[in-house]
Amino acid sequence: MSLTLPALRRNCSVWATGTHENTPQVVNTLYGPEGVVRSDSWERLPGSYHGSGCTLAAAIAATLANGLELPEAVREAQEYTWQTLNAGFRPGMGQYIPDRFFWAREMDEPGTGKA
C-alpha cells in the first residue's frame, strides 16, 4: 500500500488499522515520510467490540507521554488493547466492551471477561 497523503509530506505519521477487514489476522501499519515504519499482525478475536479504537488511541497517547518513541509506543499500545479485547465482557446483547483492568484480576478463560 502506498500513501501519498499530505500528512506524510509534512514529516508526520499515519496509522492505518485493519480492524474492518474480513481476515483471520488484523494487520495494523504505521507509515512515516519514508514509507512503512512498522506493521503488526494480531489474531482477530470473535465478536464485535465497542471502545476498541478509543482504547488504542488512549494507550498510544499514554505510552508516548511515558517517553516511548512512536514505533514502540504503537506496539505497546496494540498489545495492551488486544489484551483488553481478549478479556472483554458483554453486558447485554450488544457489543463486547474492552476490559481495561484485565491486568488487575485473574482470568478463568481468555476471552470470556470472567474473573
PDB file of N, CA and C in Angstrom:
ATOM      1  N   MET A   1       0.857  -1.174   0.000  1.00  0.00           N
ATOM      2  CA  MET A   1       0.000   0.000   0.000  1.00  0.00           C
ATOM      3  C   MET A   1       0.899   1.231   0.000  1.00  0.00           C
ATOM      4  N   SER A   2       0.630   2.153  -0.875  1.00  0.00           N
ATOM      5  CA  SER A   2       1.406   3.379  -0.952  1.00  0.00           C
ATOM      6  C   SER A   2       0.507   4.557  -0.582  1.00  0.00           C
ATOM      7  N   LEU A   3       0.956   5.340   0.376  1.00  0.00           N
ATOM      8  CA  LEU A   3       0.186   6.509   0.796  1.00  0.00           C
ATOM      9  C   LEU A   3       0.884   7.774   0.343  1.00  0.00           C
ATOM     10  N   THR A   4       0.132   8.662  -0.254  1.00  0.00           N
ATOM     11  CA  THR A   4       0.678   9.959  -0.643  1.00  0.00           C
ATOM     12  C   THR A   4      -0.156  11.061  -0.010  1.00  0.00           C
ATOM     13  N   LEU A   5      -0.518  10.868   1.228  1.00  0.00           N
ATOM     14  CA  LEU A   5      -1.328  11.839   1.944  1.00  0.00           C
ATOM     15  C   LEU A   5      -0.511  13.080   2.264  1.00  0.00           C
ATOM     16  N   PRO A   6      -1.163  14.228   2.322  1.00  0.00           N
ATOM     17  CA  PRO A   6      -0.447  15.460   2.688  1.00  0.00           C
ATOM     18  C   PRO A   6       0.296  15.350   4.015  1.00  0.00           C
ATOM     19  N   ALA A   7      -0.245  14.594   4.963  1.00  0.00           N
ATOM     20  CA  ALA A   7       0.415  14.450   6.269  1.00  0.00           C
ATOM     21  C   ALA A   7       1.809  13.857   6.113  1.00  0.00           C
ATOM     22  N   LEU A   8       1.964  12.900   5.200  1.00  0.00           N
ATOM     23  CA  LEU A   8       3.264  12.267   5.018  1.00  0.00           C
ATOM     24  C   LEU A   8       4.277  13.212   4.392  1.00  0.00           C
ATOM     25  N   ARG A   9       3.820  14.184   3.643  1.00  0.00           N
ATOM     26  CA  ARG A   9       4.735  15.160   3.057  1.00  0.00           C
ATOM     27  C   ARG A   9       5.165  16.204   4.071  1.00  0.00           C
ATOM     28  N   ARG A  10       4.526  16.233   5.231  1.00  0.00           N
ATOM     29  CA  ARG A  10       4.853  17.210   6.276  1.00  0.00           C
ATOM     30  C   ARG A  10       5.592  16.557   7.437  1.00  0.00           C
ATOM     31  N   ASN A  11       6.244  15.427   7.178  1.00  0.00           N
ATOM     32  CA  ASN A  11       7.005  14.715   8.196  1.00  0.00           C
ATOM     33  C   ASN A  11       6.125  14.256   9.354  1.00  0.00           C
ATOM     34  N   CYS A  12       4.916  13.839   9.056  1.00  0.00           N
ATOM     35  CA  CYS A  12       4.002  13.295  10.054  1.00  0.00           C
ATOM     36  C   CYS A  12       3.902  11.789   9.856  1.00  0.00           C
ATOM     37  N   SER A  13       3.233  11.143  10.759  1.00  0.00           N
ATOM     38  CA  SER A  13       2.992   9.708  10.652  1.00  0.00           C
ATOM     39  C   SER A  13       1.502   9.453  10.503  1.00  0.00           C
ATOM     40  N   VAL A  14       1.165   8.342   9.860  1.00  0.00           N
ATOM     41  CA  VAL A  14      -0.220   7.939   9.665  1.00  0.00           C
ATOM     42  C   VAL A  14      -0.354   6.500  10.158  1.00  0.00           C
ATOM     43  N   TRP A  15      -1.403   6.252  10.934  1.00  0.00           N
ATOM     44  CA  TRP A  15      -1.668   4.936  11.500  1.00  0.00           C
ATOM     45  C   TRP A  15      -2.886   4.367  10.803  1.00  0.00           C
ATOM     46  N   ALA A  16      -2.748   3.206  10.172  1.00  0.00           N
ATOM     47  CA  ALA A  16      -3.862   2.558   9.477  1.00  0.00           C
ATOM     48  C   ALA A  16      -4.129   1.206  10.131  1.00  0.00           C
ATOM     49  N   THR A  17      -5.371   0.978  10.538  1.00  0.00           N
ATOM     50  CA  THR A  17      -5.725  -0.299  11.163  1.00  0.00           C
ATOM     51  C   THR A  17      -6.492  -1.164  10.180  1.00  0.00           C
ATOM     52  N   GLY A  18      -6.401  -2.457  10.384  1.00  0.00           N
ATOM     53  CA  GLY A  18      -7.105  -3.411   9.537  1.00  0.00           C
ATOM     54  C   GLY A  18      -8.276  -4.053  10.238  1.00  0.00           C
ATOM     55  N   THR A  19      -8.854  -3.346  11.185  1.00  0.00           N
ATOM     56  CA  THR A  19      -9.902  -3.947  12.010  1.00  0.00           C
ATOM     57  C   THR A  19     -11.173  -4.269  11.233  1.00  0.00           C
ATOM     58  N   HIS A  20     -11.446  -3.573  10.162  1.00  0.00           N
ATOM     59  CA  HIS A  20     -12.699  -3.799   9.442  1.00  0.00           C
ATOM     60  C   HIS A  20     -12.533  -4.726   8.241  1.00  0.00           C
ATOM     61  N   GLU A  21     -11.346  -5.289   8.073  1.00  0.00           N
ATOM     62  CA  GLU A  21     -11.127  -6.262   7.005  1.00  0.00           C
ATOM     63  C   GLU A  21     -11.717  -7.601   7.430  1.00  0.00           C
ATOM     64  N   ASN A  22     -12.066  -8.429   6.468  1.00  0.00           N
ATOM     65  CA  ASN A  22     -12.611  -9.756   6.748  1.00  0.00           C
ATOM     66  C   ASN A  22     -11.487 -10.783   6.602  1.00  0.00           C
ATOM     67  N   THR A  23     -10.537 -10.745   7.546  1.00  0.00           N
ATOM     68  CA  THR A  23      -9.369 -11.613   7.513  1.00  0.00           C
ATOM     69  C   THR A  23      -9.164 -12.243   8.893  1.00  0.00           C
ATOM     70  N   PRO A  24      -8.449 -13.376   8.965  1.00  0.00           N
ATOM     71  CA  PRO A  24      -8.206 -14.008  10.267  1.00  0.00           C
ATOM     72  C   PRO A  24      -7.229 -13.218  11.135  1.00  0.00           C
ATOM     73  N   GLN A  25      -6.446 -12.355  10.523  1.00  0.00           N
ATOM     74  CA  GLN A  25      -5.486 -11.526  11.243  1.00  0.00           C
ATOM     75  C   GLN A  25      -5.840 -10.054  11.027  1.00  0.00           C
ATOM     76  N   VAL A  26      -5.624  -9.261  12.064  1.00  0.00           N
ATOM     77  CA  VAL A  26      -5.755  -7.808  11.941  1.00  0.00           C
ATOM     78  C   VAL A  26      -4.349  -7.276  11.705  1.00  0.00           C
ATOM     79  N   VAL A  27      -4.154  -6.567  10.608  1.00  0.00           N
ATOM     80  CA  VAL A  27      -2.842  -6.014  10.295  1.00  0.00           C
ATOM     81  C   VAL A  27      -2.922  -4.495  10.404  1.00  0.00           C
ATOM     82  N   ASN A  28      -2.137  -3.946  11.314  1.00  0.00           N
ATOM     83  CA  ASN A  28      -2.076  -2.503  11.535  1.00  0.00           C
ATOM     84  C   ASN A  28      -0.721  -2.000  11.051  1.00  0.00           C
ATOM     85  N   THR A  29      -0.723  -0.851  10.375  1.00  0.00           N
ATOM     86  CA  THR A  29       0.508  -0.343   9.791  1.00  0.00           C
ATOM     87  C   THR A  29       0.712   1.119  10.151  1.00  0.00           C
ATOM     88  N   LEU A  30       1.937   1.430  10.556  1.00  0.00           N
ATOM     89  CA  LEU A  30       2.348   2.804  10.831  1.00  0.00           C
ATOM     90  C   LEU A  30       3.199   3.272   9.665  1.00  0.00           C
ATOM     91  N   TYR A  31       2.785   4.378   9.049  1.00  0.00           N
ATOM     92  CA  TYR A  31       3.508   4.955   7.930  1.00  0.00           C
ATOM     93  C   TYR A  31       4.187   6.242   8.367  1.00  0.00           C
ATOM     94  N   GLY A  32       5.371   6.473   7.846  1.00  0.00           N
ATOM     95  CA  GLY A  32       6.091   7.722   8.048  1.00  0.00           C
ATOM     96  C   GLY A  32       6.432   8.312   6.693  1.00  0.00           C
ATOM     97  N   PRO A  33       7.164   9.404   6.667  1.00  0.00           N
ATOM     98  CA  PRO A  33       7.503  10.057   5.397  1.00  0.00           C
ATOM     99  C   PRO A  33       8.255   9.146   4.418  1.00  0.00           C
ATOM    100  N   GLU A  34       8.989   8.167   4.931  1.00  0.00           N
ATOM    101  CA  GLU A  34       9.770   7.264   4.074  1.00  0.00           C
ATOM    102  C   GLU A  34       9.027   5.974   3.736  1.00  0.00           C
ATOM    103  N   GLY A  35       7.788   5.836   4.223  1.00  0.00           N
ATOM    104  CA  GLY A  35       7.018   4.622   3.951  1.00  0.00           C
ATOM    105  C   GLY A  35       6.639   3.901   5.235  1.00  0.00           C
ATOM    106  N   VAL A  36       6.580   2.572   5.165  1.00  0.00           N
ATOM    107  CA  VAL A  36       6.160   1.764   6.314  1.00  0.00           C
ATOM    108  C   VAL A  36       7.216   1.834   7.416  1.00  0.00           C
ATOM    109  N   VAL A  37       6.775   2.220   8.613  1.00  0.00           N
ATOM    110  CA  VAL A  37       7.644   2.259   9.787  1.00  0.00           C
ATOM    111  C   VAL A  37       7.576   0.918  10.510  1.00  0.00           C
ATOM    112  N   ARG A  38       6.376   0.413  10.669  1.00  0.00           N
ATOM    113  CA  ARG A  38       6.181  -0.915  11.251  1.00  0.00           C
ATOM    114  C   ARG A  38       4.803  -1.422  10.847  1.00  0.00           C
ATOM    115  N   SER A  39       4.685  -2.746  10.813  1.00  0.00           N
ATOM    116  CA  SER A  39       3.416  -3.394  10.524  1.00  0.00           C
ATOM    117  C   SER A  39       3.280  -4.544  11.508  1.00  0.00           C
ATOM    118  N   ASP A  40       2.156  -4.611  12.193  1.00  0.00           N
ATOM    119  CA  ASP A  40       1.933  -5.626  13.213  1.00  0.00           C
ATOM    120  C   ASP A  40       0.677  -6.413  12.886  1.00  0.00           C
ATOM    121  N   SER A  41       0.748  -7.712  13.135  1.00  0.00           N
ATOM    122  CA  SER A  41      -0.371  -8.607  12.862  1.00  0.00           C
ATOM    123  C   SER A  41      -0.857  -9.204  14.177  1.00  0.00           C
ATOM    124  N   TRP A  42      -2.186  -9.216  14.356  1.00  0.00           N
ATOM    125  CA  TRP A  42      -2.811  -9.701  15.579  1.00  0.00           C
ATOM    126  C   TRP A  42      -3.916 -10.677  15.236  1.00  0.00           C
ATOM    127  N   GLU A  43      -4.074 -11.697  16.071  1.00  0.00           N
ATOM    128  CA  GLU A  43      -5.185 -12.622  15.900  1.00  0.00           C
ATOM    129  C   GLU A  43      -6.503 -11.857  16.021  1.00  0.00           C
ATOM    130  N   ARG A  44      -7.385 -12.077  15.062  1.00  0.00           N
ATOM    131  CA  ARG A  44      -8.704 -11.448  15.121  1.00  0.00           C
ATOM    132  C   ARG A  44      -9.550 -12.189  16.150  1.00  0.00           C
ATOM    133  N   LEU A  45     -10.063 -11.466  17.099  1.00  0.00           N
ATOM    134  CA  LEU A  45     -10.916 -12.062  18.128  1.00  0.00           C
ATOM    135  C   LEU A  45     -12.356 -12.104  17.628  1.00  0.00           C
ATOM    136  N   PRO A  46     -13.123 -13.097  18.061  1.00  0.00           N
ATOM    137  CA  PRO A  46     -14.523 -13.173  17.624  1.00  0.00           C
ATOM    138  C   PRO A  46     -15.355 -12.069  18.274  1.00  0.00           C
ATOM    139  N   GLY A  47     -16.431 -11.718  17.626  1.00  0.00           N
ATOM    140  CA  GLY A  47     -17.349 -10.731  18.187  1.00  0.00           C
ATOM    141  C   GLY A  47     -17.077  -9.322  17.692  1.00  0.00           C
ATOM    142  N   SER A  48     -17.910  -8.439  18.154  1.00  0.00           N
ATOM    143  CA  SER A  48     -17.832  -7.028  17.806  1.00  0.00           C
ATOM    144  C   SER A  48     -17.589  -6.240  19.093  1.00  0.00           C
ATOM    145  N   TYR A  49     -16.732  -5.228  19.014  1.00  0.00           N
ATOM    146  CA  TYR A  49     -16.305  -4.501  20.214  1.00  0.00           C
ATOM    147  C   TYR A  49     -16.647  -3.023  20.115  1.00  0.00           C
ATOM    148  N   HIS A  50     -17.043  -2.457  21.232  1.00  0.00           N
ATOM    149  CA  HIS A  50     -17.311  -1.021  21.341  1.00  0.00           C
ATOM    150  C   HIS A  50     -16.257  -0.425  22.254  1.00  0.00           C
ATOM    151  N   GLY A  51     -15.472   0.527  21.741  1.00  0.00           N
ATOM    152  CA  GLY A  51     -14.452   1.168  22.554  1.00  0.00           C
ATOM    153  C   GLY A  51     -13.032   0.733  22.238  1.00  0.00           C
ATOM    154  N   SER A  52     -12.868  -0.109  21.239  1.00  0.00           N
ATOM    155  CA  SER A  52     -11.523  -0.584  20.914  1.00  0.00           C
ATOM    156  C   SER A  52     -10.653   0.537  20.342  1.00  0.00           C
ATOM    157  N   GLY A  53     -11.216   1.360  19.486  1.00  0.00           N
ATOM    158  CA  GLY A  53     -10.451   2.473  18.912  1.00  0.00           C
ATOM    159  C   GLY A  53     -10.069   3.508  19.955  1.00  0.00           C
ATOM    160  N   CYS A  54     -10.995   3.804  20.853  1.00  0.00           N
ATOM    161  CA  CYS A  54     -10.709   4.749  21.944  1.00  0.00           C
ATOM    162  C   CYS A  54      -9.629   4.201  22.866  1.00  0.00           C
ATOM    163  N   THR A  55      -9.711   2.902  23.140  1.00  0.00           N
ATOM    164  CA  THR A  55      -8.713   2.260  23.998  1.00  0.00           C
ATOM    165  C   THR A  55      -7.338   2.339  23.345  1.00  0.00           C
ATOM    166  N   LEU A  56      -7.264   2.043  22.060  1.00  0.00           N
ATOM    167  CA  LEU A  56      -5.991   2.091  21.341  1.00  0.00           C
ATOM    168  C   LEU A  56      -5.424   3.509  21.301  1.00  0.00           C
ATOM    169  N   ALA A  57      -6.251   4.495  20.981  1.00  0.00           N
ATOM    170  CA  ALA A  57      -5.791   5.880  20.913  1.00  0.00           C
ATOM    171  C   ALA A  57      -5.269   6.367  22.264  1.00  0.00           C
ATOM    172  N   ALA A  58      -6.001   6.041  23.322  1.00  0.00           N
ATOM    173  CA  ALA A  58      -5.578   6.448  24.664  1.00  0.00           C
ATOM    174  C   ALA A  58      -4.283   5.748  25.063  1.00  0.00           C
ATOM    175  N   ALA A  59      -4.151   4.474  24.690  1.00  0.00           N
ATOM    176  CA  ALA A  59      -2.941   3.726  25.022  1.00  0.00           C
ATOM    177  C   ALA A  59      -1.729   4.271  24.262  1.00  0.00           C
ATOM    178  N   ILE A  60      -1.913   4.655  23.010  1.00  0.00           N
ATOM    179  CA  ILE A  60      -0.803   5.267  22.259  1.00  0.00           C
ATOM    180  C   ILE A  60      -0.400   6.581  22.915  1.00  0.00           C
ATOM    181  N   ALA A  61      -1.381   7.412  23.256  1.00  0.00           N
ATOM    182  CA  ALA A  61      -1.087   8.695  23.914  1.00  0.00           C
ATOM    183  C   ALA A  61      -0.353   8.471  25.239  1.00  0.00           C
ATOM    184  N   ALA A  62      -0.790   7.482  26.007  1.00  0.00           N
ATOM    185  CA  ALA A  62      -0.170   7.216  27.306  1.00  0.00           C
ATOM    186  C   ALA A  62       1.263   6.727  27.161  1.00  0.00           C
ATOM    187  N   THR A  63       1.506   5.846  26.205  1.00  0.00           N
ATOM    188  CA  THR A  63       2.863   5.341  26.029  1.00  0.00           C
ATOM    189  C   THR A  63       3.789   6.428  25.499  1.00  0.00           C
ATOM    190  N   LEU A  64       3.277   7.297  24.642  1.00  0.00           N
ATOM    191  CA  LEU A  64       4.076   8.443  24.187  1.00  0.00           C
ATOM    192  C   LEU A  64       4.374   9.385  25.356  1.00  0.00           C
ATOM    193  N   ALA A  65       3.380   9.620  26.199  1.00  0.00           N
ATOM    194  CA  ALA A  65       3.564  10.501  27.362  1.00  0.00           C
ATOM    195  C   ALA A  65       4.581   9.921  28.340  1.00  0.00           C
ATOM    196  N   ASN A  66       4.726   8.599  28.327  1.00  0.00           N
ATOM    197  CA  ASN A  66       5.712   7.950  29.188  1.00  0.00           C
ATOM    198  C   ASN A  66       7.088   7.859  28.543  1.00  0.00           C
ATOM    199  N   GLY A  67       7.260   8.496  27.390  1.00  0.00           N
ATOM    200  CA  GLY A  67       8.579   8.626  26.794  1.00  0.00           C
ATOM    201  C   GLY A  67       8.969   7.624  25.733  1.00  0.00           C
ATOM    202  N   LEU A  68       8.078   6.715  25.348  1.00  0.00           N
ATOM    203  CA  LEU A  68       8.431   5.773  24.293  1.00  0.00           C
ATOM    204  C   LEU A  68       8.447   6.478  22.942  1.00  0.00           C
ATOM    205  N   GLU A  69       9.303   6.015  22.061  1.00  0.00           N
ATOM    206  CA  GLU A  69       9.307   6.511  20.686  1.00  0.00           C
ATOM    207  C   GLU A  69       8.060   5.977  19.989  1.00  0.00           C
ATOM    208  N   LEU A  70       7.599   6.668  18.960  1.00  0.00           N
ATOM    209  CA  LEU A  70       6.334   6.318  18.307  1.00  0.00           C
ATOM    210  C   LEU A  70       6.229   4.850  17.888  1.00  0.00           C
ATOM    211  N   PRO A  71       7.210   4.266  17.201  1.00  0.00           N
ATOM    212  CA  PRO A  71       7.040   2.859  16.799  1.00  0.00           C
ATOM    213  C   PRO A  71       6.849   1.913  17.987  1.00  0.00           C
ATOM    214  N   GLU A  72       7.604   2.104  19.053  1.00  0.00           N
ATOM    215  CA  GLU A  72       7.456   1.247  20.227  1.00  0.00           C
ATOM    216  C   GLU A  72       6.168   1.560  20.978  1.00  0.00           C
ATOM    217  N   ALA A  73       5.781   2.821  21.030  1.00  0.00           N
ATOM    218  CA  ALA A  73       4.526   3.206  21.685  1.00  0.00           C
ATOM    219  C   ALA A  73       3.339   2.539  20.994  1.00  0.00           C
ATOM    220  N   VAL A  74       3.362   2.522  19.670  1.00  0.00           N
ATOM    221  CA  VAL A  74       2.295   1.889  18.892  1.00  0.00           C
ATOM    222  C   VAL A  74       2.256   0.392  19.178  1.00  0.00           C
ATOM    223  N   ARG A  75       3.409  -0.243  19.242  1.00  0.00           N
ATOM    224  CA  ARG A  75       3.474  -1.680  19.515  1.00  0.00           C
ATOM    225  C   ARG A  75       2.933  -1.999  20.915  1.00  0.00           C
ATOM    226  N   GLU A  76       3.375  -1.253  21.913  1.00  0.00           N
ATOM    227  CA  GLU A  76       2.921  -1.486  23.291  1.00  0.00           C
ATOM    228  C   GLU A  76       1.417  -1.226  23.426  1.00  0.00           C
ATOM    229  N   ALA A  77       0.927  -0.182  22.767  1.00  0.00           N
ATOM    230  CA  ALA A  77      -0.497   0.156  22.837  1.00  0.00           C
ATOM    231  C   ALA A  77      -1.350  -0.930  22.174  1.00  0.00           C
ATOM    232  N   GLN A  78      -0.863  -1.491  21.078  1.00  0.00           N
ATOM    233  CA  GLN A  78      -1.596  -2.582  20.426  1.00  0.00           C
ATOM    234  C   GLN A  78      -1.671  -3.806  21.330  1.00  0.00           C
ATOM    235  N   GLU A  79      -0.567  -4.131  21.976  1.00  0.00           N
ATOM    236  CA  GLU A  79      -0.547  -5.282  22.887  1.00  0.00           C
ATOM    237  C   GLU A  79      -1.563  -5.085  24.011  1.00  0.00           C
ATOM    238  N   TYR A  80      -1.535  -3.902  24.622  1.00  0.00           N
ATOM    239  CA  TYR A  80      -2.482  -3.595  25.702  1.00  0.00           C
ATOM    240  C   TYR A  80      -3.922  -3.695  25.193  1.00  0.00           C
ATOM    241  N   THR A  81      -4.192  -3.095  24.047  1.00  0.00           N
ATOM    242  CA  THR A  81      -5.553  -3.088  23.504  1.00  0.00           C
ATOM    243  C   THR A  81      -6.023  -4.501  23.185  1.00  0.00           C
ATOM    244  N   TRP A  82      -5.161  -5.316  22.576  1.00  0.00           N
ATOM    245  CA  TRP A  82      -5.545  -6.689  22.269  1.00  0.00           C
ATOM    246  C   TRP A  82      -5.901  -7.425  23.554  1.00  0.00           C
ATOM    247  N   GLN A  83      -5.122  -7.221  24.611  1.00  0.00           N
ATOM    248  CA  GLN A  83      -5.401  -7.878  25.888  1.00  0.00           C
ATOM    249  C   GLN A  83      -6.744  -7.414  26.472  1.00  0.00           C
ATOM    250  N   THR A  84      -7.061  -6.117  26.332  1.00  0.00           N
ATOM    251  CA  THR A  84      -8.350  -5.627  26.841  1.00  0.00           C
ATOM    252  C   THR A  84      -9.515  -6.253  26.079  1.00  0.00           C
ATOM    253  N   LEU A  85      -9.325  -6.451  24.781  1.00  0.00           N
ATOM    254  CA  LEU A  85     -10.377  -7.068  23.975  1.00  0.00           C
ATOM    255  C   LEU A  85     -10.498  -8.553  24.287  1.00  0.00           C
ATOM    256  N   ASN A  86      -9.381  -9.218  24.454  1.00  0.00           N
ATOM    257  CA  ASN A  86      -9.390 -10.640  24.788  1.00  0.00           C
ATOM    258  C   ASN A  86     -10.106 -10.881  26.122  1.00  0.00           C
ATOM    259  N   ALA A  87     -10.007  -9.930  27.027  1.00  0.00           N
ATOM    260  CA  ALA A  87     -10.655 -10.033  28.335  1.00  0.00           C
ATOM    261  C   ALA A  87     -12.015  -9.336  28.351  1.00  0.00           C
ATOM    262  N   GLY A  88     -12.473  -8.859  27.188  1.00  0.00           N
ATOM    263  CA  GLY A  88     -13.702  -8.083  27.110  1.00  0.00           C
ATOM    264  C   GLY A  88     -14.925  -8.792  27.658  1.00  0.00           C
ATOM    265  N   PHE A  89     -15.907  -8.003  27.979  1.00  0.00           N
ATOM    266  CA  PHE A  89     -17.159  -8.548  28.517  1.00  0.00           C
ATOM    267  C   PHE A  89     -18.332  -7.986  27.737  1.00  0.00           C
ATOM    268  N   ARG A  90     -19.428  -8.696  27.788  1.00  0.00           N
ATOM    269  CA  ARG A  90     -20.644  -8.320  27.059  1.00  0.00           C
ATOM    270  C   ARG A  90     -21.741  -8.088  28.080  1.00  0.00           C
ATOM    271  N   PRO A  91     -22.038  -6.829  28.382  1.00  0.00           N
ATOM    272  CA  PRO A  91     -23.007  -6.535  29.433  1.00  0.00           C
ATOM    273  C   PRO A  91     -24.454  -6.841  29.065  1.00  0.00           C
ATOM    274  N   GLY A  92     -24.718  -7.064  27.820  1.00  0.00           N
ATOM    275  CA  GLY A  92     -26.088  -7.364  27.386  1.00  0.00           C
ATOM    276  C   GLY A  92     -26.026  -8.146  26.093  1.00  0.00           C
ATOM    277  N   MET A  93     -26.883  -7.793  25.159  1.00  0.00           N
ATOM    278  CA  MET A  93     -26.920  -8.496  23.875  1.00  0.00           C
ATOM    279  C   MET A  93     -26.114  -7.779  22.793  1.00  0.00           C
ATOM    280  N   GLY A  94     -25.493  -6.675  23.130  1.00  0.00           N
ATOM    281  CA  GLY A  94     -24.772  -5.884  22.142  1.00  0.00           C
ATOM    282  C   GLY A  94     -23.307  -6.257  22.010  1.00  0.00           C
ATOM    283  N   GLN A  95     -22.496  -5.258  21.746  1.00  0.00           N
ATOM    284  CA  GLN A  95     -21.074  -5.455  21.530  1.00  0.00           C
ATOM    285  C   GLN A  95     -20.332  -5.738  22.839  1.00  0.00           C
ATOM    286  N   TYR A  96     -19.167  -6.339  22.686  1.00  0.00           N
ATOM    287  CA  TYR A  96     -18.277  -6.541  23.825  1.00  0.00           C
ATOM    288  C   TYR A  96     -17.616  -5.212  24.185  1.00  0.00           C
ATOM    289  N   ILE A  97     -17.278  -5.060  25.450  1.00  0.00           N
ATOM    290  CA  ILE A  97     -16.610  -3.866  25.963  1.00  0.00           C
ATOM    291  C   ILE A  97     -15.206  -4.281  26.396  1.00  0.00           C
ATOM    292  N   PRO A  98     -14.164  -3.530  26.015  1.00  0.00           N
ATOM    293  CA  PRO A  98     -12.813  -3.876  26.454  1.00  0.00           C
ATOM    294  C   PRO A  98     -12.707  -3.821  27.979  1.00  0.00           C
ATOM    295  N   ASP A  99     -12.046  -4.800  28.552  1.00  0.00           N
ATOM    296  CA  ASP A  99     -11.795  -4.801  29.993  1.00  0.00           C
ATOM    297  C   ASP A  99     -10.426  -4.172  30.223  1.00  0.00           C
ATOM    298  N   ARG A 100     -10.418  -2.891  30.495  1.00  0.00           N
ATOM    299  CA  ARG A 100      -9.166  -2.154  30.651  1.00  0.00           C
ATOM    300  C   ARG A 100      -8.463  -2.456  31.964  1.00  0.00           C
ATOM    301  N   PHE A 101      -9.111  -3.213  32.824  1.00  0.00           N
ATOM    302  CA  PHE A 101      -8.492  -3.607  34.099  1.00  0.00           C
ATOM    303  C   PHE A 101      -8.159  -5.092  34.123  1.00  0.00           C
ATOM    304  N   PHE A 102      -8.002  -5.703  32.940  1.00  0.00           N
ATOM    305  CA  PHE A 102      -7.677  -7.128  32.866  1.00  0.00           C
ATOM    306  C   PHE A 102      -6.438  -7.466  33.687  1.00  0.00           C
ATOM    307  N   TRP A 103      -5.496  -6.567  33.723  1.00  0.00           N
ATOM    308  CA  TRP A 103      -4.214  -6.793  34.393  1.00  0.00           C
ATOM    309  C   TRP A 103      -4.364  -6.868  35.913  1.00  0.00           C
ATOM    310  N   ALA A 104      -5.496  -6.422  36.443  1.00  0.00           N
ATOM    311  CA  ALA A 104      -5.683  -6.359  37.894  1.00  0.00           C
ATOM    312  C   ALA A 104      -6.402  -7.596  38.448  1.00  0.00           C
ATOM    313  N   ARG A 105      -6.790  -8.521  37.576  1.00  0.00           N
ATOM    314  CA  ARG A 105      -7.508  -9.706  38.040  1.00  0.00           C
ATOM    315  C   ARG A 105      -7.095 -10.921  37.215  1.00  0.00           C
ATOM    316  N   GLU A 106      -7.312 -12.091  37.778  1.00  0.00           N
ATOM    317  CA  GLU A 106      -7.023 -13.325  37.055  1.00  0.00           C
ATOM    318  C   GLU A 106      -8.212 -13.694  36.189  1.00  0.00           C
ATOM    319  N   MET A 107      -7.914 -14.272  35.055  1.00  0.00           N
ATOM    320  CA  MET A 107      -8.968 -14.696  34.136  1.00  0.00           C
ATOM    321  C   MET A 107      -9.159 -16.204  34.239  1.00  0.00           C
ATOM    322  N   ASP A 108     -10.414 -16.661  34.267  1.00  0.00           N
ATOM    323  CA  ASP A 108     -10.689 -18.096  34.218  1.00  0.00           C
ATOM    324  C   ASP A 108     -10.349 -18.625  32.827  1.00  0.00           C
ATOM    325  N   GLU A 109     -10.871 -17.936  31.820  1.00  0.00           N
ATOM    326  CA  GLU A 109     -10.634 -18.345  30.442  1.00  0.00           C
ATOM    327  C   GLU A 109     -10.372 -17.097  29.609  1.00  0.00           C
ATOM    328  N   PRO A 110      -9.302 -17.115  28.788  1.00  0.00           N
ATOM    329  CA  PRO A 110      -9.051 -15.966  27.929  1.00  0.00           C
ATOM    330  C   PRO A 110     -10.260 -15.667  27.037  1.00  0.00           C
ATOM    331  N   GLY A 111     -10.604 -14.425  26.922  1.00  0.00           N
ATOM    332  CA  GLY A 111     -11.688 -14.015  26.043  1.00  0.00           C
ATOM    333  C   GLY A 111     -13.068 -14.084  26.629  1.00  0.00           C
ATOM    334  N   THR A 112     -13.194 -14.538  27.880  1.00  0.00           N
ATOM    335  CA  THR A 112     -14.534 -14.663  28.442  1.00  0.00           C
ATOM    336  C   THR A 112     -14.930 -13.438  29.251  1.00  0.00           C
ATOM    337  N   GLY A 113     -13.949 -12.665  29.680  1.00  0.00           N
ATOM    338  CA  GLY A 113     -14.242 -11.496  30.501  1.00  0.00           C
ATOM    339  C   GLY A 113     -14.638 -11.854  31.909  1.00  0.00           C
ATOM    340  N   LYS A 114     -14.475 -13.109  32.294  1.00  0.00           N
ATOM    341  CA  LYS A 114     -14.851 -13.559  33.626  1.00  0.00           C
ATOM    342  C   LYS A 114     -13.633 -13.645  34.521  1.00  0.00           C
ATOM    343  N   ALA A 115     -13.736 -13.107  35.711  1.00  0.00           N
ATOM    344  CA  ALA A 115     -12.609 -13.165  36.643  1.00  0.00           C
ATOM    345  C   ALA A 115     -12.600 -14.479  37.381  1.00  0.00           C
TER     346      ALA A 115
END
